[in-house]
């Protein structure tokens, strides 16, 4: 219905404006928590929420598979449901034995990109995530870097690619097509945070400077002799 008020297309939607009534800056933490082997990225995501949910208005952007009680036990956090928001992105229905992560993750990325601009700060807890806007990415492994090698069609990557079966090659090609990159140079324009000096040095060898934040580990004080 016309209101007679000029529309500013740079103005966020009303739902976003109402969300920012809280004076704290908003933080979006992006993590899929897909089924499979649990690892350090799960712990990193939980402790990012734990550390930031007081001074910031935190939203976890995740999938339908996120279980707060389970991940509190897994990571050693003590988060309550009312300390942060959860935005769930639905997954494709797949058999548990075949989670199809190479398809689910690009779909998650596209959905995450559509809401990333709602937040003042965006953090990806598991490797670079193409959100189309400035973000901080916590590096947990180098699988994403190997994928970049395959896409660059370097001589080494070509040899590796020839070892992949035809169905697997088609599967990965579909994954790449779904990603629909934004064109943003994440490795040069965003901040990549390494979890060790070794990871940072490996990135530096590719011309990427990366600060180091060591992963959270349980601390049990020892009694002095």
N, C-alpha and C. Protein backbone atom coordinates (compact mmCIF):
# COMPACT_ATOMS: atom_id res chain seq x y z
N UNK A 1 0.84 -1.19 0.00
CA UNK A 1 0.00 0.00 0.00
C UNK A 1 0.88 1.24 0.00
N UNK A 2 0.67 2.23 -0.93
CA UNK A 2 1.50 3.42 -1.00
C UNK A 2 1.37 4.25 0.27
N UNK A 3 2.47 4.82 0.73
CA UNK A 3 2.48 5.62 1.95
C UNK A 3 2.84 7.07 1.68
N UNK A 4 3.35 7.37 0.49
CA UNK A 4 3.78 8.72 0.20
C UNK A 4 5.18 9.01 0.70
N UNK A 5 5.81 8.03 1.36
CA UNK A 5 7.16 8.19 1.88
C UNK A 5 8.13 7.56 0.91
N UNK A 6 9.17 8.29 0.46
CA UNK A 6 10.14 7.70 -0.47
C UNK A 6 10.79 6.46 0.14
N UNK A 7 10.99 5.46 -0.69
CA UNK A 7 11.59 4.21 -0.23
C UNK A 7 13.10 4.28 -0.40
N UNK A 8 13.83 4.04 0.69
CA UNK A 8 15.29 3.95 0.64
C UNK A 8 15.66 2.48 0.58
N UNK A 9 16.14 2.03 -0.55
CA UNK A 9 16.41 0.61 -0.72
C UNK A 9 17.61 0.14 0.11
N UNK A 10 18.36 1.07 0.69
CA UNK A 10 19.46 0.70 1.57
C UNK A 10 19.01 0.51 3.01
N UNK A 11 17.75 0.83 3.29
CA UNK A 11 17.23 0.67 4.64
C UNK A 11 16.87 -0.78 4.90
N UNK A 12 17.33 -1.39 6.00
CA UNK A 12 17.00 -2.79 6.28
C UNK A 12 15.51 -3.00 6.43
N UNK A 13 15.09 -4.23 6.23
CA UNK A 13 13.69 -4.57 6.41
C UNK A 13 13.28 -4.36 7.86
N UNK A 14 11.96 -4.24 8.11
CA UNK A 14 11.49 -3.95 9.45
C UNK A 14 11.92 -5.01 10.45
N UNK A 15 11.95 -6.27 10.01
CA UNK A 15 12.36 -7.33 10.92
C UNK A 15 13.78 -7.15 11.42
N UNK A 16 14.63 -6.61 10.56
CA UNK A 16 16.02 -6.38 10.95
C UNK A 16 16.10 -5.19 11.89
N UNK A 17 15.33 -4.13 11.60
CA UNK A 17 15.35 -2.95 12.43
C UNK A 17 14.88 -3.28 13.84
N UNK A 18 13.82 -4.07 13.96
CA UNK A 18 13.30 -4.40 15.28
C UNK A 18 14.29 -5.23 16.06
N UNK A 19 15.12 -6.00 15.36
CA UNK A 19 16.09 -6.85 16.02
C UNK A 19 17.20 -6.02 16.66
N UNK A 20 17.43 -4.79 16.16
CA UNK A 20 18.52 -3.98 16.65
C UNK A 20 18.08 -2.98 17.72
N UNK A 21 16.92 -3.19 18.33
CA UNK A 21 16.54 -2.35 19.45
C UNK A 21 17.50 -2.55 20.61
N UNK A 22 18.06 -3.72 20.74
CA UNK A 22 19.12 -3.98 21.70
C UNK A 22 20.31 -3.09 21.33
N UNK A 23 20.89 -2.42 22.33
CA UNK A 23 21.98 -1.49 22.04
C UNK A 23 23.28 -2.20 21.68
N UNK A 24 23.35 -3.51 21.95
CA UNK A 24 24.57 -4.25 21.62
C UNK A 24 24.69 -4.46 20.11
N UNK A 25 25.93 -4.56 19.65
CA UNK A 25 26.15 -4.89 18.25
C UNK A 25 25.74 -6.34 18.03
N UNK A 26 25.29 -6.62 16.80
CA UNK A 26 24.84 -7.97 16.48
C UNK A 26 25.97 -8.77 15.84
N UNK A 27 26.07 -10.02 16.24
CA UNK A 27 27.08 -10.93 15.71
C UNK A 27 26.40 -12.17 15.17
N UNK A 28 26.71 -12.51 13.94
CA UNK A 28 26.23 -13.76 13.36
C UNK A 28 27.36 -14.77 13.33
N UNK A 29 27.17 -15.91 13.98
CA UNK A 29 28.16 -16.99 13.98
C UNK A 29 27.60 -18.10 13.10
N UNK A 30 28.34 -18.41 12.05
CA UNK A 30 27.86 -19.36 11.04
C UNK A 30 28.56 -20.70 11.21
N UNK A 31 27.77 -21.75 11.41
CA UNK A 31 28.33 -23.09 11.59
C UNK A 31 27.26 -24.11 11.25
N UNK A 32 27.60 -25.08 10.39
CA UNK A 32 26.58 -26.03 9.92
C UNK A 32 26.22 -27.08 10.97
N UNK A 33 27.19 -27.55 11.75
CA UNK A 33 26.97 -28.66 12.69
C UNK A 33 26.35 -29.85 11.97
N UNK A 34 26.86 -30.17 10.77
CA UNK A 34 26.35 -31.31 10.04
C UNK A 34 26.70 -32.61 10.76
N UNK A 35 25.91 -33.64 10.51
CA UNK A 35 26.16 -34.93 11.14
C UNK A 35 27.48 -35.50 10.64
N UNK A 36 28.05 -36.37 11.44
CA UNK A 36 29.32 -36.97 11.07
C UNK A 36 30.30 -36.89 12.23
N UNK A 37 31.56 -36.94 11.92
CA UNK A 37 32.59 -36.91 12.96
C UNK A 37 32.65 -35.51 13.56
N UNK A 38 32.58 -35.44 14.86
CA UNK A 38 32.66 -34.15 15.54
C UNK A 38 34.12 -33.73 15.63
N UNK A 39 34.35 -32.42 15.67
CA UNK A 39 35.73 -31.96 15.67
C UNK A 39 35.90 -30.60 16.29
N UNK A 40 37.09 -30.03 16.06
CA UNK A 40 37.46 -28.77 16.69
C UNK A 40 36.60 -27.60 16.30
N UNK A 41 36.07 -27.60 15.06
CA UNK A 41 35.23 -26.48 14.63
C UNK A 41 33.95 -26.39 15.46
N UNK A 42 33.41 -27.54 15.87
CA UNK A 42 32.22 -27.54 16.72
C UNK A 42 32.53 -26.86 18.05
N UNK A 43 33.69 -27.18 18.61
CA UNK A 43 34.09 -26.59 19.89
C UNK A 43 34.34 -25.09 19.72
N UNK A 44 35.00 -24.72 18.62
CA UNK A 44 35.26 -23.30 18.36
C UNK A 44 33.96 -22.51 18.29
N UNK A 45 32.98 -23.04 17.57
CA UNK A 45 31.69 -22.35 17.43
C UNK A 45 31.02 -22.15 18.78
N UNK A 46 31.01 -23.20 19.60
CA UNK A 46 30.35 -23.11 20.90
C UNK A 46 31.03 -22.10 21.81
N UNK A 47 32.36 -22.07 21.79
CA UNK A 47 33.07 -21.13 22.66
C UNK A 47 33.03 -19.71 22.12
N UNK A 48 32.87 -19.54 20.81
CA UNK A 48 32.64 -18.20 20.28
C UNK A 48 31.32 -17.65 20.83
N UNK A 49 30.30 -18.48 20.83
CA UNK A 49 29.02 -18.07 21.39
C UNK A 49 29.16 -17.76 22.87
N UNK A 50 29.83 -18.66 23.61
CA UNK A 50 30.01 -18.48 25.05
C UNK A 50 30.73 -17.17 25.37
N UNK A 51 31.76 -16.86 24.58
CA UNK A 51 32.57 -15.68 24.85
C UNK A 51 31.87 -14.38 24.47
N UNK A 52 31.00 -14.42 23.46
CA UNK A 52 30.45 -13.19 22.89
C UNK A 52 29.01 -12.90 23.28
N UNK A 53 28.31 -13.89 23.85
CA UNK A 53 26.87 -13.71 24.05
C UNK A 53 26.52 -12.69 25.12
N UNK A 54 27.49 -12.27 25.93
CA UNK A 54 27.21 -11.23 26.91
C UNK A 54 27.32 -9.84 26.31
N UNK A 55 28.51 -9.46 25.82
CA UNK A 55 28.67 -8.10 25.29
C UNK A 55 28.02 -7.89 23.92
N UNK A 56 27.66 -8.96 23.22
CA UNK A 56 27.07 -8.83 21.89
C UNK A 56 25.74 -9.58 21.82
N UNK A 57 24.92 -9.16 20.89
CA UNK A 57 23.66 -9.84 20.59
C UNK A 57 23.97 -10.90 19.54
N UNK A 58 24.11 -12.14 19.98
CA UNK A 58 24.64 -13.22 19.14
C UNK A 58 23.51 -14.06 18.55
N UNK A 59 23.66 -14.35 17.27
CA UNK A 59 22.78 -15.31 16.59
C UNK A 59 23.64 -16.41 15.98
N UNK A 60 23.31 -17.65 16.29
CA UNK A 60 23.93 -18.79 15.63
C UNK A 60 23.12 -19.13 14.40
N UNK A 61 23.75 -19.02 13.24
CA UNK A 61 23.09 -19.41 11.99
C UNK A 61 23.58 -20.83 11.68
N UNK A 62 22.68 -21.78 11.74
CA UNK A 62 23.08 -23.18 11.67
C UNK A 62 22.01 -23.99 10.94
N UNK A 63 22.06 -25.28 11.11
CA UNK A 63 21.11 -26.18 10.44
C UNK A 63 20.15 -26.79 11.46
N UNK A 64 19.25 -27.57 10.96
CA UNK A 64 18.27 -28.21 11.83
C UNK A 64 18.88 -29.27 12.73
N UNK A 65 20.14 -29.62 12.50
CA UNK A 65 20.78 -30.68 13.28
C UNK A 65 21.45 -30.17 14.56
N UNK A 66 21.35 -28.89 14.85
CA UNK A 66 21.99 -28.36 16.05
C UNK A 66 21.20 -28.74 17.29
N UNK A 67 21.92 -29.35 18.27
CA UNK A 67 21.33 -29.78 19.53
C UNK A 67 22.13 -29.12 20.65
N UNK A 68 21.56 -28.12 21.32
CA UNK A 68 22.29 -27.34 22.32
C UNK A 68 22.81 -28.20 23.45
N UNK A 69 21.99 -29.10 23.98
CA UNK A 69 22.43 -29.93 25.10
C UNK A 69 23.62 -30.81 24.71
N UNK A 70 23.54 -31.41 23.53
CA UNK A 70 24.63 -32.28 23.09
C UNK A 70 25.92 -31.49 22.93
N UNK A 71 25.85 -30.34 22.26
CA UNK A 71 27.08 -29.59 22.00
C UNK A 71 27.62 -28.89 23.23
N UNK A 72 26.78 -28.59 24.20
CA UNK A 72 27.29 -28.11 25.49
C UNK A 72 28.14 -29.19 26.14
N UNK A 73 27.67 -30.42 26.13
CA UNK A 73 28.45 -31.53 26.71
C UNK A 73 29.72 -31.77 25.91
N UNK A 74 29.61 -31.70 24.60
CA UNK A 74 30.77 -31.98 23.74
C UNK A 74 31.86 -30.93 23.90
N UNK A 75 31.48 -29.66 23.98
CA UNK A 75 32.45 -28.58 24.00
C UNK A 75 32.83 -28.12 25.40
N UNK A 76 32.05 -28.54 26.40
CA UNK A 76 32.33 -28.08 27.76
C UNK A 76 31.80 -26.69 28.04
N UNK A 77 30.87 -26.20 27.22
CA UNK A 77 30.26 -24.89 27.43
C UNK A 77 29.04 -25.02 28.34
N UNK A 78 28.54 -23.90 28.81
CA UNK A 78 27.37 -23.89 29.70
C UNK A 78 26.35 -22.86 29.20
N UNK A 79 26.04 -22.94 27.94
CA UNK A 79 25.12 -21.99 27.33
C UNK A 79 23.67 -22.34 27.64
N UNK A 80 22.88 -21.31 27.87
CA UNK A 80 21.45 -21.46 28.04
C UNK A 80 20.75 -20.97 26.78
N UNK A 81 19.56 -21.49 26.55
CA UNK A 81 18.85 -21.18 25.31
C UNK A 81 18.52 -19.70 25.18
N UNK A 82 18.34 -18.99 26.30
CA UNK A 82 17.96 -17.59 26.21
C UNK A 82 19.15 -16.64 26.12
N UNK A 83 20.37 -17.17 26.03
CA UNK A 83 21.56 -16.32 25.96
C UNK A 83 21.89 -15.89 24.52
N UNK A 84 21.34 -16.58 23.55
CA UNK A 84 21.63 -16.25 22.15
C UNK A 84 20.46 -16.71 21.29
N UNK A 85 20.45 -16.22 20.07
CA UNK A 85 19.40 -16.59 19.13
C UNK A 85 19.88 -17.72 18.22
N UNK A 86 18.95 -18.45 17.67
CA UNK A 86 19.28 -19.50 16.71
C UNK A 86 18.44 -19.30 15.46
N UNK A 87 19.11 -19.27 14.33
CA UNK A 87 18.40 -19.25 13.04
C UNK A 87 18.75 -20.54 12.32
N UNK A 88 17.78 -21.37 12.10
CA UNK A 88 18.01 -22.68 11.50
C UNK A 88 17.73 -22.64 9.99
N UNK A 89 18.68 -23.17 9.25
CA UNK A 89 18.54 -23.28 7.80
C UNK A 89 18.24 -24.75 7.49
N UNK A 90 17.13 -25.06 6.85
CA UNK A 90 16.76 -26.46 6.60
C UNK A 90 17.73 -27.14 5.65
N UNK A 91 17.89 -28.43 5.85
CA UNK A 91 18.76 -29.25 5.01
C UNK A 91 17.94 -30.08 4.04
N UNK A 92 18.61 -30.57 3.01
CA UNK A 92 17.97 -31.56 2.15
C UNK A 92 17.83 -32.87 2.93
N UNK A 93 16.70 -33.56 2.78
CA UNK A 93 16.57 -34.86 3.45
C UNK A 93 17.48 -35.90 2.79
N UNK A 94 18.44 -36.40 3.53
CA UNK A 94 19.38 -37.40 3.01
C UNK A 94 19.55 -38.52 4.02
N UNK A 95 19.91 -39.72 3.57
CA UNK A 95 20.17 -40.81 4.52
C UNK A 95 21.33 -40.44 5.45
N UNK A 96 21.25 -40.88 6.70
CA UNK A 96 22.30 -40.55 7.66
C UNK A 96 23.65 -41.09 7.22
N UNK A 97 23.65 -42.23 6.53
CA UNK A 97 24.91 -42.81 6.07
C UNK A 97 25.53 -42.02 4.92
N UNK A 98 24.71 -41.21 4.23
CA UNK A 98 25.19 -40.41 3.11
C UNK A 98 24.72 -38.95 3.29
N UNK A 99 25.38 -38.20 4.16
CA UNK A 99 24.91 -36.84 4.45
C UNK A 99 25.06 -35.86 3.29
N UNK A 100 25.87 -36.22 2.26
CA UNK A 100 26.05 -35.37 1.08
C UNK A 100 26.50 -33.96 1.48
N UNK A 101 27.56 -33.91 2.27
CA UNK A 101 28.05 -32.64 2.79
C UNK A 101 28.47 -31.68 1.68
N UNK A 102 28.99 -32.22 0.59
CA UNK A 102 29.45 -31.36 -0.51
C UNK A 102 28.30 -30.66 -1.20
N UNK A 103 27.07 -31.14 -0.97
CA UNK A 103 25.89 -30.47 -1.50
C UNK A 103 25.24 -29.60 -0.42
N UNK A 104 25.17 -30.14 0.80
CA UNK A 104 24.52 -29.42 1.89
C UNK A 104 25.26 -28.13 2.23
N UNK A 105 26.60 -28.18 2.24
CA UNK A 105 27.36 -27.01 2.65
C UNK A 105 27.22 -25.83 1.67
N UNK A 106 27.26 -26.06 0.34
CA UNK A 106 27.00 -24.94 -0.57
C UNK A 106 25.59 -24.37 -0.43
N UNK A 107 24.61 -25.24 -0.18
CA UNK A 107 23.25 -24.76 0.04
C UNK A 107 23.18 -23.91 1.30
N UNK A 108 23.89 -24.36 2.34
CA UNK A 108 23.96 -23.58 3.58
C UNK A 108 24.62 -22.23 3.30
N UNK A 109 25.69 -22.24 2.51
CA UNK A 109 26.41 -21.01 2.21
C UNK A 109 25.50 -20.00 1.51
N UNK A 110 24.73 -20.45 0.55
CA UNK A 110 23.84 -19.55 -0.19
C UNK A 110 22.78 -18.96 0.73
N UNK A 111 22.22 -19.81 1.61
CA UNK A 111 21.21 -19.32 2.54
C UNK A 111 21.83 -18.37 3.57
N UNK A 112 23.05 -18.68 4.01
CA UNK A 112 23.73 -17.82 4.98
C UNK A 112 24.04 -16.46 4.37
N UNK A 113 24.42 -16.45 3.10
CA UNK A 113 24.74 -15.19 2.44
C UNK A 113 23.51 -14.28 2.38
N UNK A 114 22.34 -14.87 2.25
CA UNK A 114 21.12 -14.07 2.13
C UNK A 114 20.77 -13.33 3.41
N UNK A 115 21.31 -13.77 4.56
CA UNK A 115 20.98 -13.10 5.83
C UNK A 115 22.19 -12.44 6.48
N UNK A 116 23.38 -12.59 5.89
CA UNK A 116 24.60 -12.10 6.52
C UNK A 116 24.59 -10.59 6.76
N UNK A 117 23.99 -9.84 5.86
CA UNK A 117 24.00 -8.37 5.97
C UNK A 117 23.19 -7.87 7.16
N UNK A 118 22.43 -8.73 7.80
CA UNK A 118 21.66 -8.33 8.97
C UNK A 118 22.54 -8.09 10.19
N UNK A 119 23.77 -8.61 10.16
CA UNK A 119 24.62 -8.57 11.35
C UNK A 119 25.72 -7.53 11.21
N UNK A 120 26.11 -6.94 12.35
CA UNK A 120 27.22 -6.00 12.35
C UNK A 120 28.55 -6.72 12.12
N UNK A 121 28.66 -7.93 12.66
CA UNK A 121 29.89 -8.72 12.57
C UNK A 121 29.51 -10.14 12.18
N UNK A 122 30.23 -10.72 11.21
CA UNK A 122 29.98 -12.10 10.79
C UNK A 122 31.22 -12.95 11.07
N UNK A 123 31.01 -14.09 11.69
CA UNK A 123 32.09 -15.02 12.00
C UNK A 123 31.74 -16.40 11.45
N UNK A 124 32.65 -16.99 10.70
CA UNK A 124 32.49 -18.37 10.25
C UNK A 124 33.38 -19.25 11.13
N UNK A 125 32.77 -20.19 11.81
CA UNK A 125 33.52 -21.02 12.75
C UNK A 125 34.27 -22.17 12.08
N UNK A 126 33.96 -22.44 10.81
CA UNK A 126 34.59 -23.56 10.13
C UNK A 126 35.00 -23.17 8.72
N UNK A 127 36.20 -22.61 8.61
CA UNK A 127 36.81 -22.29 7.32
C UNK A 127 36.09 -21.15 6.61
N UNK A 128 36.69 -20.64 5.53
CA UNK A 128 36.08 -19.52 4.81
C UNK A 128 34.69 -19.86 4.28
N UNK A 129 33.79 -18.93 4.48
CA UNK A 129 32.41 -19.07 4.03
C UNK A 129 32.08 -17.81 3.23
N UNK A 130 31.72 -17.98 1.99
CA UNK A 130 31.49 -16.85 1.09
C UNK A 130 30.15 -16.19 1.43
N UNK A 131 30.22 -15.16 2.29
CA UNK A 131 29.02 -14.45 2.71
C UNK A 131 28.76 -13.21 1.87
N UNK A 132 29.71 -12.87 1.01
CA UNK A 132 29.53 -11.72 0.14
C UNK A 132 29.81 -10.38 0.79
N UNK A 133 30.13 -10.38 2.10
CA UNK A 133 30.44 -9.16 2.84
C UNK A 133 31.64 -9.45 3.75
N UNK A 134 32.26 -8.43 4.33
CA UNK A 134 33.41 -8.67 5.21
C UNK A 134 33.07 -9.61 6.36
N UNK A 135 34.00 -10.51 6.67
CA UNK A 135 33.76 -11.49 7.72
C UNK A 135 35.09 -11.98 8.27
N UNK A 136 35.00 -12.65 9.42
CA UNK A 136 36.16 -13.30 10.04
C UNK A 136 35.94 -14.80 9.94
N UNK A 137 36.95 -15.52 9.45
CA UNK A 137 36.81 -16.95 9.22
C UNK A 137 37.85 -17.71 10.05
N UNK A 138 37.41 -18.66 10.85
CA UNK A 138 38.30 -19.48 11.67
C UNK A 138 38.66 -20.74 10.88
N UNK A 139 39.95 -20.90 10.60
CA UNK A 139 40.43 -22.02 9.78
C UNK A 139 40.55 -23.26 10.65
N UNK A 140 39.89 -24.34 10.24
CA UNK A 140 39.94 -25.59 11.02
C UNK A 140 40.65 -26.71 10.29
N UNK A 141 40.69 -26.65 8.95
CA UNK A 141 41.42 -27.65 8.16
C UNK A 141 41.72 -27.04 6.80
N UNK A 142 42.36 -27.84 5.94
CA UNK A 142 42.77 -27.33 4.63
C UNK A 142 42.00 -27.95 3.48
N UNK A 143 40.89 -28.61 3.75
CA UNK A 143 40.11 -29.22 2.68
C UNK A 143 39.63 -28.15 1.69
N UNK A 144 39.23 -26.99 2.21
CA UNK A 144 38.76 -25.90 1.35
C UNK A 144 39.89 -25.38 0.46
N UNK A 145 41.13 -25.44 0.97
CA UNK A 145 42.26 -24.97 0.19
C UNK A 145 42.59 -25.96 -0.93
N UNK A 146 42.43 -27.25 -0.65
CA UNK A 146 42.62 -28.26 -1.69
C UNK A 146 41.57 -28.11 -2.78
N UNK A 147 40.36 -27.72 -2.37
CA UNK A 147 39.30 -27.50 -3.35
C UNK A 147 39.65 -26.32 -4.25
N UNK A 148 40.23 -25.29 -3.67
CA UNK A 148 40.67 -24.15 -4.48
C UNK A 148 41.74 -24.58 -5.47
N UNK A 149 42.63 -25.49 -5.04
CA UNK A 149 43.66 -26.00 -5.93
C UNK A 149 43.03 -26.73 -7.12
N UNK A 150 42.00 -27.53 -6.82
CA UNK A 150 41.35 -28.27 -7.90
C UNK A 150 40.70 -27.29 -8.90
N UNK A 151 40.11 -26.24 -8.35
CA UNK A 151 39.43 -25.28 -9.22
C UNK A 151 40.42 -24.46 -10.03
N UNK A 152 41.62 -24.25 -9.48
CA UNK A 152 42.62 -23.45 -10.19
C UNK A 152 43.22 -24.18 -11.38
N UNK A 153 43.01 -25.51 -11.43
CA UNK A 153 43.50 -26.34 -12.53
C UNK A 153 45.01 -26.25 -12.69
N UNK A 154 45.69 -26.20 -11.54
CA UNK A 154 47.15 -26.25 -11.58
C UNK A 154 47.58 -27.64 -11.99
N UNK A 155 48.83 -27.80 -12.36
CA UNK A 155 49.31 -29.10 -12.83
C UNK A 155 49.18 -30.15 -11.75
N UNK A 156 49.46 -29.78 -10.52
CA UNK A 156 49.34 -30.73 -9.42
C UNK A 156 47.89 -31.12 -9.21
N UNK A 157 47.02 -30.12 -9.25
CA UNK A 157 45.60 -30.40 -9.04
C UNK A 157 45.04 -31.27 -10.15
N UNK A 158 45.55 -31.10 -11.36
CA UNK A 158 45.07 -31.90 -12.48
C UNK A 158 45.36 -33.37 -12.26
N UNK A 159 46.56 -33.67 -11.76
CA UNK A 159 46.91 -35.06 -11.48
C UNK A 159 46.01 -35.63 -10.41
N UNK A 160 45.75 -34.83 -9.35
CA UNK A 160 44.87 -35.31 -8.29
C UNK A 160 43.46 -35.52 -8.82
N UNK A 161 43.01 -34.63 -9.69
CA UNK A 161 41.65 -34.70 -10.21
C UNK A 161 41.44 -35.96 -11.05
N UNK A 162 42.49 -36.42 -11.73
CA UNK A 162 42.36 -37.60 -12.57
C UNK A 162 42.15 -38.86 -11.74
N UNK A 163 42.51 -38.81 -10.46
CA UNK A 163 42.33 -39.97 -9.60
C UNK A 163 40.90 -40.08 -9.06
N UNK A 164 40.07 -39.08 -9.31
CA UNK A 164 38.71 -39.07 -8.80
C UNK A 164 37.79 -39.79 -9.79
N UNK A 165 36.92 -40.65 -9.27
CA UNK A 165 36.00 -41.39 -10.13
C UNK A 165 35.02 -40.44 -10.81
N UNK A 166 34.43 -40.91 -11.89
CA UNK A 166 33.49 -40.06 -12.64
C UNK A 166 32.29 -39.63 -11.80
N UNK A 167 31.63 -40.54 -11.04
CA UNK A 167 30.51 -40.09 -10.19
C UNK A 167 30.95 -39.05 -9.17
N UNK A 168 32.13 -39.26 -8.57
CA UNK A 168 32.64 -38.31 -7.58
C UNK A 168 32.93 -36.96 -8.24
N UNK A 169 33.46 -37.00 -9.46
CA UNK A 169 33.77 -35.77 -10.18
C UNK A 169 32.49 -34.98 -10.47
N UNK A 170 31.43 -35.69 -10.89
CA UNK A 170 30.16 -35.03 -11.15
C UNK A 170 29.56 -34.45 -9.87
N UNK A 171 29.71 -35.20 -8.79
CA UNK A 171 29.22 -34.77 -7.47
C UNK A 171 29.89 -33.46 -7.05
N UNK A 172 31.22 -33.39 -7.21
CA UNK A 172 31.97 -32.19 -6.85
C UNK A 172 31.65 -31.03 -7.80
N UNK A 173 31.42 -31.35 -9.08
CA UNK A 173 31.07 -30.31 -10.04
C UNK A 173 29.72 -29.68 -9.68
N UNK A 174 28.76 -30.52 -9.25
CA UNK A 174 27.46 -30.02 -8.83
C UNK A 174 27.61 -29.13 -7.60
N UNK A 175 28.47 -29.56 -6.68
CA UNK A 175 28.73 -28.77 -5.47
C UNK A 175 29.26 -27.38 -5.83
N UNK A 176 30.22 -27.34 -6.76
CA UNK A 176 30.80 -26.06 -7.18
C UNK A 176 29.75 -25.18 -7.85
N UNK A 177 28.87 -25.80 -8.65
CA UNK A 177 27.84 -25.04 -9.35
C UNK A 177 26.85 -24.42 -8.36
N UNK A 178 26.50 -25.16 -7.32
CA UNK A 178 25.54 -24.68 -6.33
C UNK A 178 26.10 -23.49 -5.54
N UNK A 179 27.40 -23.49 -5.33
CA UNK A 179 28.01 -22.46 -4.50
C UNK A 179 27.72 -21.05 -5.01
N UNK A 180 27.74 -20.85 -6.31
CA UNK A 180 27.45 -19.55 -6.89
C UNK A 180 28.26 -18.46 -6.20
N UNK A 181 29.59 -18.42 -6.37
CA UNK A 181 30.44 -17.48 -5.64
C UNK A 181 30.01 -16.03 -5.83
N UNK A 182 30.19 -15.25 -4.78
CA UNK A 182 29.81 -13.83 -4.82
C UNK A 182 30.82 -12.99 -5.60
N UNK A 183 32.03 -13.52 -5.78
CA UNK A 183 33.09 -12.75 -6.43
C UNK A 183 34.00 -12.06 -5.44
N UNK A 184 33.66 -12.12 -4.16
CA UNK A 184 34.50 -11.49 -3.14
C UNK A 184 35.76 -12.32 -2.92
N UNK A 185 36.92 -11.65 -2.81
CA UNK A 185 38.19 -12.32 -2.56
C UNK A 185 38.35 -12.50 -1.05
N UNK A 186 37.84 -13.62 -0.54
CA UNK A 186 37.86 -13.86 0.90
C UNK A 186 39.27 -13.92 1.46
N UNK A 187 40.19 -14.49 0.68
CA UNK A 187 41.53 -14.71 1.19
C UNK A 187 42.33 -13.42 1.32
N UNK A 188 41.95 -12.40 0.59
CA UNK A 188 42.69 -11.14 0.62
C UNK A 188 41.93 -10.04 1.35
N UNK A 189 40.60 -10.06 1.30
CA UNK A 189 39.81 -8.97 1.86
C UNK A 189 39.26 -9.27 3.25
N UNK A 190 39.08 -10.54 3.57
CA UNK A 190 38.56 -10.91 4.88
C UNK A 190 39.69 -11.31 5.83
N UNK A 191 39.35 -11.61 7.07
CA UNK A 191 40.33 -12.03 8.06
C UNK A 191 40.22 -13.54 8.26
N UNK A 192 41.33 -14.25 8.06
CA UNK A 192 41.40 -15.68 8.32
C UNK A 192 42.18 -15.89 9.61
N UNK A 193 41.59 -16.58 10.56
CA UNK A 193 42.21 -16.82 11.86
C UNK A 193 42.69 -18.27 11.92
N UNK A 194 43.97 -18.46 12.16
CA UNK A 194 44.55 -19.81 12.24
C UNK A 194 44.45 -20.34 13.67
N UNK A 195 44.40 -21.67 13.79
CA UNK A 195 44.35 -22.27 15.12
C UNK A 195 45.71 -22.76 15.59
N UNK A 196 46.77 -22.48 14.82
CA UNK A 196 48.12 -22.84 15.23
C UNK A 196 49.13 -22.05 14.39
N UNK A 197 50.36 -21.99 14.87
CA UNK A 197 51.41 -21.32 14.13
C UNK A 197 51.69 -22.06 12.82
N UNK A 198 51.53 -23.38 12.83
CA UNK A 198 51.78 -24.17 11.62
C UNK A 198 50.77 -23.81 10.53
N UNK A 199 49.50 -23.70 10.90
CA UNK A 199 48.48 -23.31 9.93
C UNK A 199 48.76 -21.92 9.41
N UNK A 200 49.13 -21.00 10.31
CA UNK A 200 49.42 -19.63 9.89
C UNK A 200 50.59 -19.58 8.92
N UNK A 201 51.62 -20.40 9.18
CA UNK A 201 52.79 -20.41 8.29
C UNK A 201 52.44 -21.00 6.93
N UNK A 202 51.54 -22.00 6.91
CA UNK A 202 51.11 -22.58 5.64
C UNK A 202 50.33 -21.56 4.81
N UNK A 203 49.53 -20.75 5.47
CA UNK A 203 48.79 -19.71 4.76
C UNK A 203 49.73 -18.60 4.31
N UNK A 204 50.72 -18.28 5.15
CA UNK A 204 51.66 -17.23 4.80
C UNK A 204 52.46 -17.62 3.56
N UNK A 205 52.73 -18.92 3.40
CA UNK A 205 53.45 -19.40 2.22
C UNK A 205 52.66 -19.12 0.94
N UNK A 206 51.36 -18.92 1.08
CA UNK A 206 50.50 -18.57 -0.06
C UNK A 206 50.21 -17.07 -0.11
N UNK A 207 50.92 -16.32 0.71
CA UNK A 207 50.74 -14.87 0.71
C UNK A 207 49.57 -14.39 1.54
N UNK A 208 49.07 -15.23 2.45
CA UNK A 208 47.91 -14.87 3.26
C UNK A 208 48.35 -14.70 4.71
N UNK A 209 48.27 -13.49 5.24
CA UNK A 209 48.60 -13.26 6.64
C UNK A 209 47.41 -13.65 7.52
N UNK A 210 47.71 -14.36 8.59
CA UNK A 210 46.64 -14.89 9.43
C UNK A 210 47.04 -14.83 10.90
N UNK A 211 46.29 -14.11 11.73
CA UNK A 211 46.56 -14.13 13.17
C UNK A 211 46.24 -15.51 13.74
N UNK A 212 46.83 -15.81 14.89
CA UNK A 212 46.64 -17.12 15.52
C UNK A 212 45.82 -16.96 16.80
N UNK A 213 44.76 -17.72 16.90
CA UNK A 213 44.01 -17.86 18.15
C UNK A 213 43.93 -19.35 18.43
N UNK A 214 44.57 -19.78 19.50
CA UNK A 214 44.61 -21.21 19.80
C UNK A 214 43.22 -21.72 20.18
N UNK A 215 42.91 -22.95 19.83
CA UNK A 215 41.57 -23.49 20.11
C UNK A 215 41.34 -23.67 21.60
N UNK A 216 40.08 -23.59 22.02
CA UNK A 216 39.77 -23.79 23.45
C UNK A 216 40.03 -25.23 23.86
N UNK A 217 40.64 -25.40 25.02
CA UNK A 217 40.89 -26.73 25.58
C UNK A 217 40.50 -26.71 27.05
N UNK A 218 40.07 -27.85 27.59
CA UNK A 218 39.73 -27.89 29.02
C UNK A 218 40.96 -27.56 29.87
N UNK A 219 40.77 -26.75 30.88
CA UNK A 219 41.87 -26.40 31.77
C UNK A 219 41.63 -26.99 33.15
N UNK A 220 42.51 -27.89 33.55
CA UNK A 220 42.41 -28.51 34.87
C UNK A 220 43.63 -28.07 35.67
N UNK A 221 43.47 -27.17 36.64
CA UNK A 221 44.63 -26.70 37.41
C UNK A 221 45.27 -27.83 38.21
N UNK A 222 46.58 -27.84 38.20
CA UNK A 222 47.31 -28.87 38.95
C UNK A 222 47.77 -28.34 40.30
N UNK A 223 47.76 -29.20 41.25
CA UNK A 223 48.27 -28.81 42.56
C UNK A 223 49.80 -28.79 42.53
N UNK A 224 50.35 -27.77 43.15
CA UNK A 224 51.80 -27.68 43.21
C UNK A 224 52.36 -28.69 44.22
N UNK A 225 53.53 -29.24 43.86
CA UNK A 225 54.17 -30.19 44.78
C UNK A 225 54.64 -29.46 46.04
